[in-house]
Amino acid sequence: MARKNAPVAPQVPLDLWRELYQAAAAFQVLAPWRWMNDDHVLGINNEHGVRLISVLGGMSEVFGLASYRGSGGANFLLRLLRGDFAPDTRDAIYYQDALLVDFVPSKELRPQDRVNLKRIQFQPAASRPRLFPKFTCYRPGYVPWFIEEGEARCLLDDLLKEVRFAGLLQTNPGFCGSHRPGEVPFFPGAAVEPLALAQFEWHSLSPVALPSDPPVSPQTLDLPALLDIPPVAGSAWELTAFYSGASISEKPRPYWPKLALGVDAGTGMVLGFQLGAPQETMAEVAAQAVRKCIQATGARPAAIKVDSVNLFRALEPLARALNAKLIQAKSLPLSQEARRSLEAYNRS
């Protein structure tokens, strides 16, 4: 029996599915990854919003198209291209805001994908092995999920425009090489046929610093009760916050809860933890973990160590109210060990 609050795949009109699968098949047959790489980014700005489109397949591992949405998605891609982190970085998946179509063998399709394929009687392009389009939505903090109707229309627009852009690049391979790194061509808003690369307008884009969480007010944590608990001279705690790899499956879609851990900096003992929902900030979850640690141990720390600039800034009012020294450390070895143990347990 299905759980009452279990998330379900969004409804997308059958005709739209048919158009989307046909566009994906045309993109697959074109196979633009044969002549395009990570530097060939296409910008689109229209009624579906701003997107940066990247063709996948240069590493011969994942073949498809990724559409990075809005300022958050664009910033993620620009930081990735700049080399701020590797694509397989542990936490990268938690921060993506993108739509993805990739081509996978039948065994990697989800049950709902098979239903869609059967309803439109779709047959994939001839290949060995046979590869099928798979459409996925990525949102920060949420588990990769099925696309909604609006996202399907956006991805259809992206595929159609990328096919035209890729075709032009195939016959003009030096087009992007003539511009400086960080410059991105945008698809013309009012294209004149026949479409030509001269109609694309170039924009210089660069990643920006990630926004910080707002400061946490100590008044949200029952401060008088916490101040009644005595501090322990010389004591220090490590405090870290991150996305838990163990997802929670609730409507409207599964998500990764935020998890904050408080660890004794001397013994490595986990003093307390706090799980947070999507609407809570990392700093709010970390602050609640501090409250739980104080209540569990019956003592306030003399110092709290964090390795995140975000937590350092957002928790400064709380640390000051608790008369605890807030320290920004380069690393938190005991907290990281606790995290590794927790993640190993979740995988087992």
Protein backbone atom coordinates (compact mmCIF):
# COMPACT_ATOMS: atom_id res chain seq x y z
CA MET A 1 0.00 0.00 0.00
CA ALA A 2 1.34 3.42 -0.97
CA ARG A 3 2.06 5.89 1.81
CA LYS A 4 -0.51 8.68 2.11
CA ASN A 5 2.11 11.44 1.86
CA ALA A 6 4.33 9.73 -0.74
CA PRO A 7 5.36 12.04 -3.60
CA VAL A 8 4.04 11.28 -7.07
CA ALA A 9 5.37 12.21 -10.49
CA PRO A 10 3.90 15.46 -11.87
CA GLN A 11 1.36 15.27 -14.70
CA VAL A 12 2.58 16.36 -18.13
CA PRO A 13 0.23 16.42 -21.18
CA LEU A 14 0.73 13.48 -23.54
CA ASP A 15 1.25 15.69 -26.61
CA LEU A 16 3.99 17.59 -24.77
CA TRP A 17 5.71 14.34 -23.84
CA ARG A 18 5.60 13.32 -27.50
CA GLU A 19 7.19 16.60 -28.63
CA LEU A 20 9.84 16.42 -25.92
CA TYR A 21 10.87 12.84 -26.73
CA GLN A 22 11.01 13.68 -30.44
CA ALA A 23 13.25 16.69 -29.74
CA ALA A 24 15.49 14.58 -27.51
CA ALA A 25 15.75 11.92 -30.22
CA ALA A 26 16.79 14.55 -32.78
CA PHE A 27 19.44 15.82 -30.37
CA GLN A 28 20.66 12.26 -29.79
CA VAL A 29 20.96 11.57 -33.53
CA LEU A 30 22.87 14.84 -34.02
CA ALA A 31 25.24 13.81 -31.19
CA PRO A 32 26.81 17.28 -30.79
CA TRP A 33 29.20 16.00 -28.10
CA ARG A 34 31.32 14.78 -31.03
CA TRP A 35 32.46 18.37 -31.72
CA MET A 36 31.37 20.32 -28.62
CA ASN A 37 32.92 20.49 -25.18
CA ASP A 38 32.42 22.31 -21.86
CA ASP A 39 33.46 25.64 -23.37
CA HIS A 40 30.55 25.63 -25.81
CA VAL A 41 27.89 27.08 -23.51
CA LEU A 42 24.71 28.56 -24.98
CA GLY A 43 22.69 31.24 -23.21
CA ILE A 44 18.90 31.54 -23.59
CA ASN A 45 16.70 34.29 -22.15
CA ASN A 46 12.99 34.17 -22.98
CA GLU A 47 9.58 33.47 -21.43
CA HIS A 48 10.99 30.36 -19.73
CA GLY A 49 13.65 32.38 -17.89
CA VAL A 50 17.41 32.61 -18.20
CA ARG A 51 19.35 29.39 -18.79
CA LEU A 52 22.87 28.34 -19.63
CA ILE A 53 22.93 25.19 -21.77
CA SER A 54 25.79 22.71 -21.69
CA VAL A 55 26.24 19.64 -23.90
CA LEU A 56 27.36 16.57 -21.97
CA GLY A 57 29.52 13.82 -23.41
CA GLY A 58 33.02 15.21 -23.72
CA MET A 59 34.23 12.77 -21.06
CA SER A 60 32.37 9.88 -22.77
CA GLU A 61 30.56 9.07 -19.52
CA VAL A 62 27.20 10.89 -19.62
CA PHE A 63 25.68 11.96 -22.93
CA GLY A 64 22.98 14.59 -22.98
CA LEU A 65 22.10 18.20 -22.26
CA ALA A 66 22.00 20.16 -19.02
CA SER A 67 20.01 23.39 -18.69
CA TYR A 68 21.19 25.47 -15.72
CA ARG A 69 18.35 27.73 -14.57
CA GLY A 70 18.33 31.23 -13.17
CA SER A 71 21.14 32.96 -11.33
CA GLY A 72 21.73 30.00 -9.01
CA GLY A 73 22.02 27.46 -11.79
CA ALA A 74 24.20 29.75 -13.92
CA ASN A 75 26.49 30.47 -10.97
CA PHE A 76 26.90 26.73 -10.32
CA LEU A 77 27.94 26.09 -13.94
CA LEU A 78 30.29 29.08 -14.08
CA ARG A 79 32.01 28.03 -10.85
CA LEU A 80 32.30 24.48 -12.21
CA LEU A 81 33.87 25.70 -15.45
CA ARG A 82 36.25 27.94 -13.52
CA GLY A 83 37.47 24.90 -11.59
CA ASP A 84 36.16 25.90 -8.16
CA PHE A 85 35.17 22.26 -7.60
CA ALA A 86 35.17 18.97 -9.50
CA PRO A 87 31.96 17.59 -11.07
CA ASP A 88 32.12 14.58 -8.75
CA THR A 89 32.60 16.64 -5.58
CA ARG A 90 30.62 15.03 -2.76
CA ASP A 91 28.24 17.94 -2.15
CA ALA A 92 27.85 19.19 -5.75
CA ILE A 93 24.56 17.39 -6.36
CA TYR A 94 22.87 19.19 -3.45
CA TYR A 95 23.30 22.64 -4.99
CA GLN A 96 22.38 22.16 -8.65
CA ASP A 97 19.44 24.01 -10.20
CA ALA A 98 19.12 22.40 -13.60
CA LEU A 99 17.07 20.33 -16.01
CA LEU A 100 18.79 17.31 -17.51
CA VAL A 101 18.16 14.99 -20.42
CA ASP A 102 20.59 12.13 -20.68
CA PHE A 103 20.51 8.93 -22.67
CA VAL A 104 20.51 5.72 -20.67
CA PRO A 105 20.00 1.98 -21.19
CA SER A 106 16.55 0.58 -20.47
CA LYS A 107 17.60 -0.79 -17.08
CA GLU A 108 18.23 2.76 -15.80
CA LEU A 109 14.73 4.01 -16.63
CA ARG A 110 12.27 4.63 -13.79
CA PRO A 111 8.83 2.97 -13.82
CA GLN A 112 7.17 6.28 -14.75
CA ASP A 113 9.60 6.68 -17.66
CA ARG A 114 8.49 3.30 -19.01
CA VAL A 115 4.86 4.36 -18.71
CA ASN A 116 5.54 7.51 -20.73
CA LEU A 117 7.41 5.60 -23.42
CA LYS A 118 4.59 3.11 -23.77
CA ARG A 119 1.90 5.81 -23.91
CA ILE A 120 3.56 7.63 -26.83
CA GLN A 121 4.89 4.41 -28.42
CA PHE A 122 8.40 5.87 -28.51
CA GLN A 123 11.23 4.04 -30.23
CA PRO A 124 14.79 5.21 -29.53
CA ALA A 125 17.41 5.91 -32.16
CA ALA A 126 19.24 2.86 -33.42
CA SER A 127 22.33 2.29 -31.28
CA ARG A 128 24.14 -0.41 -29.35
CA PRO A 129 23.13 -0.53 -26.62
CA ARG A 130 19.76 1.10 -27.21
CA LEU A 131 19.65 4.35 -25.26
CA PHE A 132 16.49 6.13 -24.12
CA PRO A 133 16.00 9.80 -23.14
CA LYS A 134 15.58 10.34 -19.41
CA PHE A 135 14.40 13.72 -18.09
CA THR A 136 15.34 14.88 -14.60
CA CYS A 137 14.86 18.01 -12.53
CA TYR A 138 17.53 19.15 -10.07
CA ARG A 139 16.76 21.70 -7.36
CA PRO A 140 19.04 22.70 -4.48
CA GLY A 141 18.38 20.50 -1.47
CA TYR A 142 15.99 18.18 -3.31
CA VAL A 143 16.44 14.68 -4.66
CA PRO A 144 16.59 14.53 -8.49
CA TRP A 145 12.96 14.15 -9.60
CA PHE A 146 10.55 14.02 -12.50
CA ILE A 147 10.00 17.19 -14.51
CA GLU A 148 6.80 19.24 -14.29
CA GLU A 149 4.82 20.59 -17.25
CA GLY A 150 6.51 24.01 -17.19
CA GLU A 151 9.92 22.36 -16.99
CA ALA A 152 9.04 20.08 -19.91
CA ARG A 153 8.17 23.12 -22.03
CA CYS A 154 11.42 24.81 -21.01
CA LEU A 155 13.49 21.73 -21.81
CA LEU A 156 11.75 21.36 -25.18
CA ASP A 157 12.71 24.94 -26.01
CA ASP A 158 16.29 24.29 -24.88
CA LEU A 159 16.64 21.16 -27.03
CA LEU A 160 15.27 22.81 -30.15
CA LYS A 161 17.56 25.83 -29.79
CA GLU A 162 20.63 23.76 -28.89
CA VAL A 163 20.18 21.58 -31.97
CA ARG A 164 20.24 24.69 -34.17
CA PHE A 165 23.22 26.20 -32.32
CA ALA A 166 25.16 22.93 -32.43
CA GLY A 167 24.51 22.58 -36.15
CA LEU A 168 25.97 26.03 -36.77
CA LEU A 169 29.03 25.24 -34.66
CA GLN A 170 29.62 22.03 -36.59
CA THR A 171 30.26 24.07 -39.73
CA ASN A 172 31.96 26.94 -37.86
CA PRO A 173 34.24 25.18 -35.34
CA GLY A 174 36.28 28.29 -34.50
CA PHE A 175 33.31 30.46 -33.54
CA CYS A 176 33.64 30.16 -29.75
CA GLY A 177 37.43 30.12 -29.81
CA SER A 178 37.51 33.70 -31.04
CA HIS A 179 36.04 35.02 -27.78
CA ARG A 180 37.48 35.38 -24.30
CA PRO A 181 36.82 32.88 -21.50
CA GLY A 182 33.64 33.76 -19.62
CA GLU A 183 31.87 35.13 -22.70
CA VAL A 184 28.68 33.28 -23.63
CA PRO A 185 26.65 33.58 -26.85
CA PHE A 186 22.90 34.06 -26.30
CA PHE A 187 20.33 32.73 -28.73
CA PRO A 188 18.71 35.67 -30.59
CA GLY A 189 15.36 36.69 -29.15
CA ALA A 190 14.02 37.58 -32.59
CA ALA A 191 15.89 35.26 -34.92
CA VAL A 192 15.87 36.05 -38.62
CA GLU A 193 15.89 33.08 -40.98
CA PRO A 194 18.19 31.69 -42.06
CA LEU A 195 19.71 31.64 -38.58
CA ALA A 196 23.36 32.69 -38.50
CA LEU A 197 25.97 32.87 -35.75
CA ALA A 198 26.26 36.61 -36.34
CA GLN A 199 22.81 36.99 -34.76
CA PHE A 200 24.02 35.61 -31.41
CA GLU A 201 24.81 38.28 -28.83
CA TRP A 202 27.79 37.69 -26.55
CA HIS A 203 27.66 38.46 -22.82
CA SER A 204 30.53 38.35 -20.34
CA LEU A 205 29.55 36.23 -17.32
CA SER A 206 31.47 35.45 -14.16
CA PRO A 207 30.51 33.56 -10.99
CA VAL A 208 29.70 35.47 -7.82
CA ALA A 209 30.14 34.60 -4.16
CA LEU A 210 27.42 32.39 -2.75
CA PRO A 211 24.87 34.30 -0.65
CA SER A 212 25.20 33.94 3.11
CA ASP A 213 22.42 32.90 5.47
CA PRO A 214 20.91 35.72 7.53
CA PRO A 215 22.19 36.00 11.11
CA VAL A 216 20.33 33.76 13.54
CA SER A 217 18.60 35.65 16.34
CA PRO A 218 19.43 34.20 19.77
CA GLN A 219 15.87 35.01 20.85
CA THR A 220 14.57 32.14 18.71
CA LEU A 221 16.36 29.59 20.92
CA ASP A 222 14.93 30.22 24.41
CA LEU A 223 18.10 32.13 25.35
CA PRO A 224 17.27 32.72 29.07
CA ALA A 225 17.03 28.97 29.67
CA LEU A 226 20.34 28.36 27.90
CA LEU A 227 22.09 31.07 29.93
CA ASP A 228 20.93 29.35 33.12
CA ILE A 229 23.17 26.43 32.15
CA PRO A 230 26.75 27.06 33.31
CA PRO A 231 29.70 27.21 30.90
CA VAL A 232 32.68 24.87 31.21
CA ALA A 233 36.01 26.67 31.11
CA GLY A 234 38.34 25.50 28.35
CA SER A 235 35.70 23.40 26.59
CA ALA A 236 35.45 23.53 22.80
CA TRP A 237 32.95 22.07 20.36
CA GLU A 238 33.14 21.50 16.64
CA LEU A 239 29.99 22.44 14.74
CA THR A 240 29.29 21.47 11.14
CA ALA A 241 26.22 21.50 8.91
CA PHE A 242 25.61 19.79 5.58
CA TYR A 243 23.01 17.95 3.52
CA SER A 244 22.32 14.43 4.71
CA GLY A 245 22.59 11.74 2.06
CA ALA A 246 19.56 9.95 3.56
CA SER A 247 16.57 11.48 1.77
CA ILE A 248 13.08 12.05 3.16
CA SER A 249 10.29 11.07 0.78
CA GLU A 250 7.42 13.52 1.25
CA LYS A 251 5.15 15.54 -1.02
CA PRO A 252 5.65 17.40 -3.24
CA ARG A 253 9.04 15.74 -3.89
CA PRO A 254 11.75 13.94 -1.88
CA TYR A 255 14.41 16.11 -0.29
CA TRP A 256 17.72 15.83 1.49
CA PRO A 257 17.39 17.19 5.02
CA LYS A 258 19.98 19.57 6.34
CA LEU A 259 21.94 18.02 9.20
CA ALA A 260 24.01 19.80 11.85
CA LEU A 261 26.37 17.97 14.23
CA GLY A 262 27.92 19.16 17.46
CA VAL A 263 31.08 17.24 18.41
CA ASP A 264 33.34 17.54 21.44
CA ALA A 265 36.64 18.89 20.08
CA GLY A 266 38.60 16.94 22.68
CA THR A 267 37.01 13.50 22.67
CA GLY A 268 35.21 13.34 19.32
CA MET A 269 31.96 12.42 21.04
CA VAL A 270 28.84 13.50 19.14
CA LEU A 271 26.98 15.76 21.57
CA GLY A 272 23.84 16.33 19.53
CA PHE A 273 22.39 16.82 16.08
CA GLN A 274 19.52 18.57 14.35
CA LEU A 275 17.68 17.81 11.10
CA GLY A 276 16.27 20.66 9.03
CA ALA A 277 13.57 20.96 6.38
CA PRO A 278 14.05 22.68 2.97
CA GLN A 279 12.66 26.02 4.21
CA GLU A 280 15.24 26.25 7.02
CA THR A 281 18.70 27.68 6.44
CA MET A 282 21.89 25.80 7.30
CA ALA A 283 22.60 28.38 9.98
CA GLU A 284 19.18 27.93 11.60
CA VAL A 285 19.68 24.17 11.72
CA ALA A 286 23.18 24.62 13.17
CA ALA A 287 21.85 26.98 15.84
CA GLN A 288 19.25 24.43 16.88
CA ALA A 289 22.02 21.83 17.11
CA VAL A 290 23.91 24.10 19.51
CA ARG A 291 20.78 24.39 21.66
CA LYS A 292 20.36 20.62 21.71
CA CYS A 293 24.01 20.05 22.61
CA ILE A 294 23.79 22.48 25.53
CA GLN A 295 20.63 20.83 26.82
CA ALA A 296 22.04 17.31 26.36
CA THR A 297 25.35 17.99 28.12
CA GLY A 298 24.09 20.41 30.75
CA ALA A 299 26.93 22.78 29.90
CA ARG A 300 27.76 25.67 27.62
CA PRO A 301 30.99 25.59 25.59
CA ALA A 302 33.73 28.13 26.00
CA ALA A 303 34.43 27.99 22.25
CA ILE A 304 32.62 26.83 19.12
CA LYS A 305 34.67 25.94 16.03
CA VAL A 306 33.16 26.10 12.54
CA ASP A 307 34.79 25.59 9.15
CA SER A 308 32.20 27.50 7.16
CA VAL A 309 32.28 31.23 6.47
CA ASN A 310 28.50 31.10 6.23
CA LEU A 311 28.09 29.63 9.73
CA PHE A 312 30.75 31.91 11.16
CA ARG A 313 28.88 35.00 10.04
CA ALA A 314 25.34 33.80 10.76
CA LEU A 315 26.06 32.38 14.23
CA GLU A 316 28.09 35.31 15.54
CA PRO A 317 25.09 36.87 17.39
CA LEU A 318 24.31 33.53 19.05
CA ALA A 319 27.91 32.90 20.12
CA ARG A 320 28.15 36.40 21.55
CA ALA A 321 24.89 35.93 23.49
CA LEU A 322 26.18 32.62 24.90
CA ASN A 323 29.53 34.20 25.86
CA ALA A 324 31.26 31.59 23.69
CA LYS A 325 34.20 32.32 21.42
CA LEU A 326 33.37 31.58 17.79
CA ILE A 327 36.38 30.28 15.85
CA GLN A 328 36.63 29.82 12.10
CA ALA A 329 38.83 26.77 11.62
CA LYS A 330 40.42 25.46 8.43
CA SER A 331 39.10 21.99 9.17
CA LEU A 332 37.09 20.09 11.74
CA PRO A 333 38.69 16.62 11.77
CA LEU A 334 36.47 15.08 14.44
CA SER A 335 33.27 16.41 12.90
CA GLN A 336 34.32 15.15 9.49
CA GLU A 337 35.04 11.73 10.94
CA ALA A 338 31.57 11.71 12.50
CA ARG A 339 30.07 12.67 9.14
CA ARG A 340 31.96 9.91 7.32
CA SER A 341 30.75 7.36 9.86
CA LEU A 342 27.16 8.55 9.47
CA GLU A 343 27.32 8.41 5.67
CA ALA A 344 28.86 4.94 5.77
CA TYR A 345 26.00 3.82 8.01
CA ASN A 346 23.42 5.28 5.61
CA ARG A 347 25.00 3.40 2.69
CA SER A 348 25.00 0.07 4.50
